[in-house]
Amino acid sequence: MIGEKDTKLMEKTLLLEECMNAYKYAVETVQKNSPIMDEMAASCVEVCRKAAEECLTLGETENDRVYLMCLEYVHLCEELEGYKRLRQQKNMKKTV
């Protein structure tokens, strides 16, 4: 029989998987220089932030490992947004 603790772990695992997938897709759009890369990077940040918040609503503390991993994905997505801007600035310099 699955207990409450196991159910919470499964829910948190799914939240972490959402973060991983959001980051993976955002990276792919940046690598392909897709016209939707801006939206994907911003969406990645939003998805991962919401997943982290949802971990806390499951009764976890801010020291919970899954919560912290979701936050790490938030930081990775934010770095991706910064990388995207840096890449755009380099492209602008090439055209000048």
PDB file of N, CA and C in Angstrom:
ATOM      1  N   MET A   1       0.839  -1.174   0.000  1.00  0.00           N
ATOM      2  CA  MET A   1       0.000   0.000   0.000  1.00  0.00           C
ATOM      3  C   MET A   1       0.892   1.247   0.000  1.00  0.00           C
ATOM      4  N   ILE A   2       0.509   2.196  -0.789  1.00  0.00           N
ATOM      5  CA  ILE A   2       1.272   3.436  -0.896  1.00  0.00           C
ATOM      6  C   ILE A   2       0.827   4.383   0.205  1.00  0.00           C
ATOM      7  N   GLY A   3       1.809   4.861   0.966  1.00  0.00           N
ATOM      8  CA  GLY A   3       1.520   5.790   2.047  1.00  0.00           C
ATOM      9  C   GLY A   3       1.561   7.230   1.579  1.00  0.00           C
ATOM     10  N   GLU A   4       1.206   8.129   2.488  1.00  0.00           N
ATOM     11  CA  GLU A   4       1.188   9.560   2.169  1.00  0.00           C
ATOM     12  C   GLU A   4       2.583  10.055   1.791  1.00  0.00           C
ATOM     13  N   LYS A   5       3.596   9.543   2.481  1.00  0.00           N
ATOM     14  CA  LYS A   5       4.970   9.962   2.201  1.00  0.00           C
ATOM     15  C   LYS A   5       5.375   9.565   0.783  1.00  0.00           C
ATOM     16  N   ASP A   6       4.984   8.348   0.372  1.00  0.00           N
ATOM     17  CA  ASP A   6       5.289   7.885  -0.981  1.00  0.00           C
ATOM     18  C   ASP A   6       4.562   8.724  -2.027  1.00  0.00           C
ATOM     19  N   THR A   7       3.319   9.078  -1.739  1.00  0.00           N
ATOM     20  CA  THR A   7       2.533   9.892  -2.663  1.00  0.00           C
ATOM     21  C   THR A   7       3.174  11.263  -2.845  1.00  0.00           C
ATOM     22  N   LYS A   8       3.624  11.867  -1.744  1.00  0.00           N
ATOM     23  CA  LYS A   8       4.296  13.169  -1.831  1.00  0.00           C
ATOM     24  C   LYS A   8       5.574  13.065  -2.648  1.00  0.00           C
ATOM     25  N   LEU A   9       6.320  11.981  -2.445  1.00  0.00           N
ATOM     26  CA  LEU A   9       7.554  11.794  -3.199  1.00  0.00           C
ATOM     27  C   LEU A   9       7.260  11.690  -4.692  1.00  0.00           C
ATOM     28  N   MET A  10       6.221  10.970  -5.054  1.00  0.00           N
ATOM     29  CA  MET A  10       5.846  10.850  -6.467  1.00  0.00           C
ATOM     30  C   MET A  10       5.431  12.201  -7.037  1.00  0.00           C
ATOM     31  N   GLU A  11       4.671  12.972  -6.278  1.00  0.00           N
ATOM     32  CA  GLU A  11       4.253  14.300  -6.730  1.00  0.00           C
ATOM     33  C   GLU A  11       5.465  15.201  -6.936  1.00  0.00           C
ATOM     34  N   LYS A  12       6.393  15.167  -5.991  1.00  0.00           N
ATOM     35  CA  LYS A  12       7.600  15.997  -6.107  1.00  0.00           C
ATOM     36  C   LYS A  12       8.454  15.540  -7.285  1.00  0.00           C
ATOM     37  N   THR A  13       8.501  14.236  -7.517  1.00  0.00           N
ATOM     38  CA  THR A  13       9.261  13.708  -8.646  1.00  0.00           C
ATOM     39  C   THR A  13       8.685  14.221  -9.959  1.00  0.00           C
ATOM     40  N   LEU A  14       7.375  14.257 -10.059  1.00  0.00           N
ATOM     41  CA  LEU A  14       6.730  14.779 -11.267  1.00  0.00           C
ATOM     42  C   LEU A  14       6.998  16.273 -11.445  1.00  0.00           C
ATOM     43  N   LEU A  15       7.025  17.011 -10.344  1.00  0.00           N
ATOM     44  CA  LEU A  15       7.343  18.439 -10.416  1.00  0.00           C
ATOM     45  C   LEU A  15       8.769  18.653 -10.913  1.00  0.00           C
ATOM     46  N   LEU A  16       9.678  17.850 -10.410  1.00  0.00           N
ATOM     47  CA  LEU A  16      11.070  17.959 -10.840  1.00  0.00           C
ATOM     48  C   LEU A  16      11.207  17.594 -12.316  1.00  0.00           C
ATOM     49  N   GLU A  17      10.450  16.602 -12.750  1.00  0.00           N
ATOM     50  CA  GLU A  17      10.470  16.209 -14.159  1.00  0.00           C
ATOM     51  C   GLU A  17       9.955  17.346 -15.046  1.00  0.00           C
ATOM     52  N   GLU A  18       8.945  18.074 -14.573  1.00  0.00           N
ATOM     53  CA  GLU A  18       8.451  19.237 -15.316  1.00  0.00           C
ATOM     54  C   GLU A  18       9.560  20.269 -15.501  1.00  0.00           C
ATOM     55  N   CYS A  19      10.333  20.497 -14.446  1.00  0.00           N
ATOM     56  CA  CYS A  19      11.450  21.445 -14.532  1.00  0.00           C
ATOM     57  C   CYS A  19      12.475  20.977 -15.556  1.00  0.00           C
ATOM     58  N   MET A  20      12.819  19.707 -15.477  1.00  0.00           N
ATOM     59  CA  MET A  20      13.809  19.150 -16.395  1.00  0.00           C
ATOM     60  C   MET A  20      13.350  19.307 -17.841  1.00  0.00           C
ATOM     61  N   ASN A  21      12.095  18.970 -18.106  1.00  0.00           N
ATOM     62  CA  ASN A  21      11.572  19.068 -19.470  1.00  0.00           C
ATOM     63  C   ASN A  21      11.515  20.512 -19.953  1.00  0.00           C
ATOM     64  N   ALA A  22      11.097  21.424 -19.088  1.00  0.00           N
ATOM     65  CA  ALA A  22      11.041  22.839 -19.467  1.00  0.00           C
ATOM     66  C   ALA A  22      12.433  23.343 -19.835  1.00  0.00           C
ATOM     67  N   TYR A  23      13.424  22.979 -19.037  1.00  0.00           N
ATOM     68  CA  TYR A  23      14.797  23.410 -19.310  1.00  0.00           C
ATOM     69  C   TYR A  23      15.314  22.784 -20.599  1.00  0.00           C
ATOM     70  N   LYS A  24      15.051  21.507 -20.763  1.00  0.00           N
ATOM     71  CA  LYS A  24      15.507  20.791 -21.963  1.00  0.00           C
ATOM     72  C   LYS A  24      14.956  21.450 -23.229  1.00  0.00           C
ATOM     73  N   TYR A  25      13.665  21.744 -23.234  1.00  0.00           N
ATOM     74  CA  TYR A  25      13.052  22.357 -24.413  1.00  0.00           C
ATOM     75  C   TYR A  25      13.560  23.780 -24.633  1.00  0.00           C
ATOM     76  N   ALA A  26      13.771  24.513 -23.565  1.00  0.00           N
ATOM     77  CA  ALA A  26      14.295  25.874 -23.697  1.00  0.00           C
ATOM     78  C   ALA A  26      15.704  25.850 -24.282  1.00  0.00           C
ATOM     79  N   VAL A  27      16.530  24.921 -23.823  1.00  0.00           N
ATOM     80  CA  VAL A  27      17.891  24.794 -24.357  1.00  0.00           C
ATOM     81  C   VAL A  27      17.842  24.460 -25.845  1.00  0.00           C
ATOM     82  N   GLU A  28      16.967  23.552 -26.218  1.00  0.00           N
ATOM     83  CA  GLU A  28      16.851  23.166 -27.629  1.00  0.00           C
ATOM     84  C   GLU A  28      16.471  24.353 -28.505  1.00  0.00           C
ATOM     85  N   THR A  29      15.561  25.204 -28.032  1.00  0.00           N
ATOM     86  CA  THR A  29      15.160  26.356 -28.842  1.00  0.00           C
ATOM     87  C   THR A  29      16.293  27.363 -28.975  1.00  0.00           C
ATOM     88  N   VAL A  30      17.090  27.523 -27.927  1.00  0.00           N
ATOM     89  CA  VAL A  30      18.235  28.436 -28.005  1.00  0.00           C
ATOM     90  C   VAL A  30      19.291  27.864 -28.945  1.00  0.00           C
ATOM     91  N   GLN A  31      19.564  26.568 -28.843  1.00  0.00           N
ATOM     92  CA  GLN A  31      20.550  25.937 -29.718  1.00  0.00           C
ATOM     93  C   GLN A  31      20.172  26.071 -31.190  1.00  0.00           C
ATOM     94  N   LYS A  32      18.887  26.003 -31.462  1.00  0.00           N
ATOM     95  CA  LYS A  32      18.406  26.095 -32.846  1.00  0.00           C
ATOM     96  C   LYS A  32      18.144  27.532 -33.273  1.00  0.00           C
ATOM     97  N   ASN A  33      18.412  28.467 -32.365  1.00  0.00           N
ATOM     98  CA  ASN A  33      18.160  29.888 -32.620  1.00  0.00           C
ATOM     99  C   ASN A  33      16.718  30.104 -33.086  1.00  0.00           C
ATOM    100  N   SER A  34      15.819  29.421 -32.424  1.00  0.00           N
ATOM    101  CA  SER A  34      14.400  29.461 -32.768  1.00  0.00           C
ATOM    102  C   SER A  34      13.800  30.831 -32.474  1.00  0.00           C
ATOM    103  N   PRO A  35      12.834  31.248 -33.280  1.00  0.00           N
ATOM    104  CA  PRO A  35      12.183  32.532 -33.005  1.00  0.00           C
ATOM    105  C   PRO A  35      11.387  32.539 -31.693  1.00  0.00           C
ATOM    106  N   ILE A  36      11.115  31.374 -31.133  1.00  0.00           N
ATOM    107  CA  ILE A  36      10.371  31.324 -29.867  1.00  0.00           C
ATOM    108  C   ILE A  36      11.285  31.133 -28.658  1.00  0.00           C
ATOM    109  N   MET A  37      12.586  31.297 -28.849  1.00  0.00           N
ATOM    110  CA  MET A  37      13.510  31.036 -27.738  1.00  0.00           C
ATOM    111  C   MET A  37      13.294  31.996 -26.570  1.00  0.00           C
ATOM    112  N   ASP A  38      12.898  33.235 -26.841  1.00  0.00           N
ATOM    113  CA  ASP A  38      12.627  34.183 -25.749  1.00  0.00           C
ATOM    114  C   ASP A  38      11.496  33.671 -24.866  1.00  0.00           C
ATOM    115  N   GLU A  39      10.418  33.271 -25.518  1.00  0.00           N
ATOM    116  CA  GLU A  39       9.253  32.779 -24.784  1.00  0.00           C
ATOM    117  C   GLU A  39       9.560  31.492 -24.033  1.00  0.00           C
ATOM    118  N   MET A  40      10.341  30.619 -24.639  1.00  0.00           N
ATOM    119  CA  MET A  40      10.665  29.342 -23.999  1.00  0.00           C
ATOM    120  C   MET A  40      11.534  29.542 -22.760  1.00  0.00           C
ATOM    121  N   ALA A  41      12.507  30.443 -22.839  1.00  0.00           N
ATOM    122  CA  ALA A  41      13.365  30.698 -21.677  1.00  0.00           C
ATOM    123  C   ALA A  41      12.543  31.304 -20.535  1.00  0.00           C
ATOM    124  N   ALA A  42      11.666  32.246 -20.869  1.00  0.00           N
ATOM    125  CA  ALA A  42      10.811  32.860 -19.843  1.00  0.00           C
ATOM    126  C   ALA A  42       9.833  31.835 -19.271  1.00  0.00           C
ATOM    127  N   SER A  43       9.296  31.000 -20.124  1.00  0.00           N
ATOM    128  CA  SER A  43       8.370  29.954 -19.680  1.00  0.00           C
ATOM    129  C   SER A  43       9.072  28.962 -18.763  1.00  0.00           C
ATOM    130  N   CYS A  44      10.304  28.653 -19.080  1.00  0.00           N
ATOM    131  CA  CYS A  44      11.108  27.738 -18.267  1.00  0.00           C
ATOM    132  C   CYS A  44      11.228  28.272 -16.841  1.00  0.00           C
ATOM    133  N   VAL A  45      11.544  29.543 -16.713  1.00  0.00           N
ATOM    134  CA  VAL A  45      11.656  30.168 -15.390  1.00  0.00           C
ATOM    135  C   VAL A  45      10.329  30.047 -14.646  1.00  0.00           C
ATOM    136  N   GLU A  46       9.249  30.364 -15.332  1.00  0.00           N
ATOM    137  CA  GLU A  46       7.924  30.338 -14.700  1.00  0.00           C
ATOM    138  C   GLU A  46       7.522  28.928 -14.264  1.00  0.00           C
ATOM    139  N   VAL A  47       7.722  27.952 -15.135  1.00  0.00           N
ATOM    140  CA  VAL A  47       7.358  26.562 -14.817  1.00  0.00           C
ATOM    141  C   VAL A  47       8.130  26.069 -13.599  1.00  0.00           C
ATOM    142  N   CYS A  48       9.427  26.341 -13.580  1.00  0.00           N
ATOM    143  CA  CYS A  48      10.265  25.844 -12.482  1.00  0.00           C
ATOM    144  C   CYS A  48       9.967  26.565 -11.170  1.00  0.00           C
ATOM    145  N   ARG A  49       9.669  27.851 -11.248  1.00  0.00           N
ATOM    146  CA  ARG A  49       9.301  28.592 -10.038  1.00  0.00           C
ATOM    147  C   ARG A  49       7.997  28.050  -9.443  1.00  0.00           C
ATOM    148  N   LYS A  50       7.035  27.796 -10.305  1.00  0.00           N
ATOM    149  CA  LYS A  50       5.754  27.257  -9.830  1.00  0.00           C
ATOM    150  C   LYS A  50       5.932  25.860  -9.251  1.00  0.00           C
ATOM    151  N   ALA A  51       6.794  25.061  -9.861  1.00  0.00           N
ATOM    152  CA  ALA A  51       7.054  23.714  -9.340  1.00  0.00           C
ATOM    153  C   ALA A  51       7.686  23.796  -7.954  1.00  0.00           C
ATOM    154  N   ALA A  52       8.629  24.714  -7.777  1.00  0.00           N
ATOM    155  CA  ALA A  52       9.264  24.888  -6.468  1.00  0.00           C
ATOM    156  C   ALA A  52       8.230  25.310  -5.426  1.00  0.00           C
ATOM    157  N   GLU A  53       7.369  26.246  -5.796  1.00  0.00           N
ATOM    158  CA  GLU A  53       6.320  26.695  -4.874  1.00  0.00           C
ATOM    159  C   GLU A  53       5.377  25.551  -4.517  1.00  0.00           C
ATOM    160  N   GLU A  54       5.072  24.720  -5.500  1.00  0.00           N
ATOM    161  CA  GLU A  54       4.171  23.598  -5.243  1.00  0.00           C
ATOM    162  C   GLU A  54       4.801  22.585  -4.291  1.00  0.00           C
ATOM    163  N   CYS A  55       6.124  22.429  -4.361  1.00  0.00           N
ATOM    164  CA  CYS A  55       6.815  21.554  -3.399  1.00  0.00           C
ATOM    165  C   CYS A  55       6.544  22.023  -1.976  1.00  0.00           C
ATOM    166  N   LEU A  56       6.578  23.328  -1.789  1.00  0.00           N
ATOM    167  CA  LEU A  56       6.331  23.876  -0.452  1.00  0.00           C
ATOM    168  C   LEU A  56       4.887  23.656  -0.016  1.00  0.00           C
ATOM    169  N   THR A  57       3.954  23.673  -0.962  1.00  0.00           N
ATOM    170  CA  THR A  57       2.551  23.449  -0.594  1.00  0.00           C
ATOM    171  C   THR A  57       2.300  22.000  -0.196  1.00  0.00           C
ATOM    172  N   LEU A  58       3.222  21.120  -0.547  1.00  0.00           N
ATOM    173  CA  LEU A  58       3.100  19.714  -0.143  1.00  0.00           C
ATOM    174  C   LEU A  58       3.571  19.507   1.291  1.00  0.00           C
ATOM    175  N   GLY A  59       3.861  20.611   1.967  1.00  0.00           N
ATOM    176  CA  GLY A  59       4.261  20.528   3.366  1.00  0.00           C
ATOM    177  C   GLY A  59       5.755  20.384   3.568  1.00  0.00           C
ATOM    178  N   GLU A  60       6.505  20.616   2.509  1.00  0.00           N
ATOM    179  CA  GLU A  60       7.957  20.494   2.614  1.00  0.00           C
ATOM    180  C   GLU A  60       8.556  21.809   3.097  1.00  0.00           C
ATOM    181  N   THR A  61       9.789  21.724   3.567  1.00  0.00           N
ATOM    182  CA  THR A  61      10.499  22.917   4.030  1.00  0.00           C
ATOM    183  C   THR A  61      11.408  23.422   2.923  1.00  0.00           C
ATOM    184  N   GLU A  62      11.984  24.580   3.143  1.00  0.00           N
ATOM    185  CA  GLU A  62      12.891  25.154   2.149  1.00  0.00           C
ATOM    186  C   GLU A  62      14.217  24.409   2.081  1.00  0.00           C
ATOM    187  N   ASN A  63      14.417  23.427   2.948  1.00  0.00           N
ATOM    188  CA  ASN A  63      15.618  22.590   2.893  1.00  0.00           C
ATOM    189  C   ASN A  63      15.378  21.298   2.121  1.00  0.00           C
ATOM    190  N   ASP A  64      14.155  21.091   1.641  1.00  0.00           N
ATOM    191  CA  ASP A  64      13.820  19.881   0.896  1.00  0.00           C
ATOM    192  C   ASP A  64      14.653  19.807  -0.382  1.00  0.00           C
ATOM    193  N   ARG A  65      15.220  18.645  -0.641  1.00  0.00           N
ATOM    194  CA  ARG A  65      16.117  18.491  -1.795  1.00  0.00           C
ATOM    195  C   ARG A  65      15.421  18.719  -3.127  1.00  0.00           C
ATOM    196  N   VAL A  66      14.209  18.239  -3.275  1.00  0.00           N
ATOM    197  CA  VAL A  66      13.496  18.434  -4.542  1.00  0.00           C
ATOM    198  C   VAL A  66      13.167  19.914  -4.736  1.00  0.00           C
ATOM    199  N   TYR A  67      12.748  20.577  -3.686  1.00  0.00           N
ATOM    200  CA  TYR A  67      12.491  22.017  -3.745  1.00  0.00           C
ATOM    201  C   TYR A  67      13.751  22.752  -4.202  1.00  0.00           C
ATOM    202  N   LEU A  68      14.885  22.407  -3.613  1.00  0.00           N
ATOM    203  CA  LEU A  68      16.149  23.057  -3.970  1.00  0.00           C
ATOM    204  C   LEU A  68      16.559  22.747  -5.403  1.00  0.00           C
ATOM    205  N   MET A  69      16.272  21.532  -5.872  1.00  0.00           N
ATOM    206  CA  MET A  69      16.587  21.190  -7.263  1.00  0.00           C
ATOM    207  C   MET A  69      15.702  21.983  -8.224  1.00  0.00           C
ATOM    208  N   CYS A  70      14.443  22.171  -7.873  1.00  0.00           N
ATOM    209  CA  CYS A  70      13.563  23.000  -8.702  1.00  0.00           C
ATOM    210  C   CYS A  70      14.095  24.431  -8.768  1.00  0.00           C
ATOM    211  N   LEU A  71      14.555  24.949  -7.633  1.00  0.00           N
ATOM    212  CA  LEU A  71      15.144  26.296  -7.619  1.00  0.00           C
ATOM    213  C   LEU A  71      16.406  26.355  -8.467  1.00  0.00           C
ATOM    214  N   GLU A  72      17.175  25.288  -8.458  1.00  0.00           N
ATOM    215  CA  GLU A  72      18.380  25.242  -9.291  1.00  0.00           C
ATOM    216  C   GLU A  72      18.000  25.328 -10.768  1.00  0.00           C
ATOM    217  N   TYR A  73      16.924  24.661 -11.140  1.00  0.00           N
ATOM    218  CA  TYR A  73      16.438  24.774 -12.519  1.00  0.00           C
ATOM    219  C   TYR A  73      15.992  26.203 -12.823  1.00  0.00           C
ATOM    220  N   VAL A  74      15.404  26.894 -11.845  1.00  0.00           N
ATOM    221  CA  VAL A  74      15.042  28.303 -12.040  1.00  0.00           C
ATOM    222  C   VAL A  74      16.296  29.090 -12.401  1.00  0.00           C
ATOM    223  N   HIS A  75      17.372  28.870 -11.652  1.00  0.00           N
ATOM    224  CA  HIS A  75      18.627  29.587 -11.912  1.00  0.00           C
ATOM    225  C   HIS A  75      19.195  29.232 -13.284  1.00  0.00           C
ATOM    226  N   LEU A  76      19.121  27.965 -13.659  1.00  0.00           N
ATOM    227  CA  LEU A  76      19.604  27.550 -14.978  1.00  0.00           C
ATOM    228  C   LEU A  76      18.802  28.225 -16.091  1.00  0.00           C
ATOM    229  N   CYS A  77      17.503  28.305 -15.909  1.00  0.00           N
ATOM    230  CA  CYS A  77      16.649  28.964 -16.905  1.00  0.00           C
ATOM    231  C   CYS A  77      16.963  30.455 -16.993  1.00  0.00           C
ATOM    232  N   GLU A  78      17.212  31.078 -15.844  1.00  0.00           N
ATOM    233  CA  GLU A  78      17.582  32.495 -15.840  1.00  0.00           C
ATOM    234  C   GLU A  78      18.922  32.701 -16.536  1.00  0.00           C
ATOM    235  N   GLU A  79      19.860  31.789 -16.330  1.00  0.00           N
ATOM    236  CA  GLU A  79      21.141  31.868 -17.034  1.00  0.00           C
ATOM    237  C   GLU A  79      20.934  31.722 -18.533  1.00  0.00           C
ATOM    238  N   LEU A  80      20.000  30.877 -18.912  1.00  0.00           N
ATOM    239  CA  LEU A  80      19.685  30.687 -20.320  1.00  0.00           C
ATOM    240  C   LEU A  80      19.131  31.973 -20.926  1.00  0.00           C
ATOM    241  N   GLU A  81      18.309  32.680 -20.164  1.00  0.00           N
ATOM    242  CA  GLU A  81      17.812  33.982 -20.624  1.00  0.00           C
ATOM    243  C   GLU A  81      18.976  34.949 -20.824  1.00  0.00           C
ATOM    244  N   GLY A  82      19.925  34.949 -19.895  1.00  0.00           N
ATOM    245  CA  GLY A  82      21.098  35.807 -20.014  1.00  0.00           C
ATOM    246  C   GLY A  82      21.964  35.427 -21.196  1.00  0.00           C
ATOM    247  N   TYR A  83      22.128  34.136 -21.433  1.00  0.00           N
ATOM    248  CA  TYR A  83      22.910  33.645 -22.573  1.00  0.00           C
ATOM    249  C   TYR A  83      22.265  34.087 -23.875  1.00  0.00           C
ATOM    250  N   LYS A  84      20.959  33.996 -23.911  1.00  0.00           N
ATOM    251  CA  LYS A  84      20.200  34.387 -25.095  1.00  0.00           C
ATOM    252  C   LYS A  84      20.438  35.864 -25.403  1.00  0.00           C
ATOM    253  N   ARG A  85      20.390  36.717 -24.364  1.00  0.00           N
ATOM    254  CA  ARG A  85      20.616  38.153 -24.560  1.00  0.00           C
ATOM    255  C   ARG A  85      22.044  38.422 -25.027  1.00  0.00           C
ATOM    256  N   LEU A  86      23.006  37.719 -24.446  1.00  0.00           N
ATOM    257  CA  LEU A  86      24.403  37.883 -24.840  1.00  0.00           C
ATOM    258  C   LEU A  86      24.591  37.500 -26.303  1.00  0.00           C
ATOM    259  N   ARG A  87      23.960  36.425 -26.701  1.00  0.00           N
ATOM    260  CA  ARG A  87      24.051  35.956 -28.086  1.00  0.00           C
ATOM    261  C   ARG A  87      23.441  36.983 -29.040  1.00  0.00           C
ATOM    262  N   GLN A  88      22.328  37.584 -28.645  1.00  0.00           N
ATOM    263  CA  GLN A  88      21.681  38.593 -29.478  1.00  0.00           C
ATOM    264  C   GLN A  88      22.559  39.838 -29.606  1.00  0.00           C
ATOM    265  N   GLN A  89      23.236  40.223 -28.523  1.00  0.00           N
ATOM    266  CA  GLN A  89      24.122  41.385 -28.568  1.00  0.00           C
ATOM    267  C   GLN A  89      25.288  41.129 -29.514  1.00  0.00           C
ATOM    268  N   LYS A  90      25.840  39.923 -29.482  1.00  0.00           N
ATOM    269  CA  LYS A  90      26.937  39.580 -30.391  1.00  0.00           C
ATOM    270  C   LYS A  90      26.475  39.634 -31.837  1.00  0.00           C
ATOM    271  N   ASN A  91      25.273  39.153 -32.095  1.00  0.00           N
ATOM    272  CA  ASN A  91      24.735  39.185 -33.454  1.00  0.00           C
ATOM    273  C   ASN A  91      24.521  40.613 -33.926  1.00  0.00           C
ATOM    274  N   MET A  92      24.103  41.504 -33.017  1.00  0.00           N
ATOM    275  CA  MET A  92      23.904  42.903 -33.374  1.00  0.00           C
ATOM    276  C   MET A  92      25.232  43.558 -33.725  1.00  0.00           C
ATOM    277  N   LYS A  93      26.296  43.224 -32.993  1.00  0.00           N
ATOM    278  CA  LYS A  93      27.615  43.794 -33.272  1.00  0.00           C
ATOM    279  C   LYS A  93      28.117  43.353 -34.636  1.00  0.00           C
ATOM    280  N   LYS A  94      27.804  42.124 -35.019  1.00  0.00           N
ATOM    281  CA  LYS A  94      28.234  41.612 -36.318  1.00  0.00           C
ATOM    282  C   LYS A  94      27.565  42.362 -37.464  1.00  0.00           C
ATOM    283  N   THR A  95      26.348  42.816 -37.256  1.00  0.00           N
ATOM    284  CA  THR A  95      25.620  43.500 -38.325  1.00  0.00           C
ATOM    285  C   THR A  95      26.016  44.966 -38.454  1.00  0.00           C
ATOM    286  N   VAL A  96      26.677  45.510 -37.440  1.00  0.00           N
ATOM    287  CA  VAL A  96      27.054  46.932 -37.467  1.00  0.00           C
ATOM    288  C   VAL A  96      28.322  47.133 -38.217  1.00  0.00           C
TER     289      VAL A  96
END
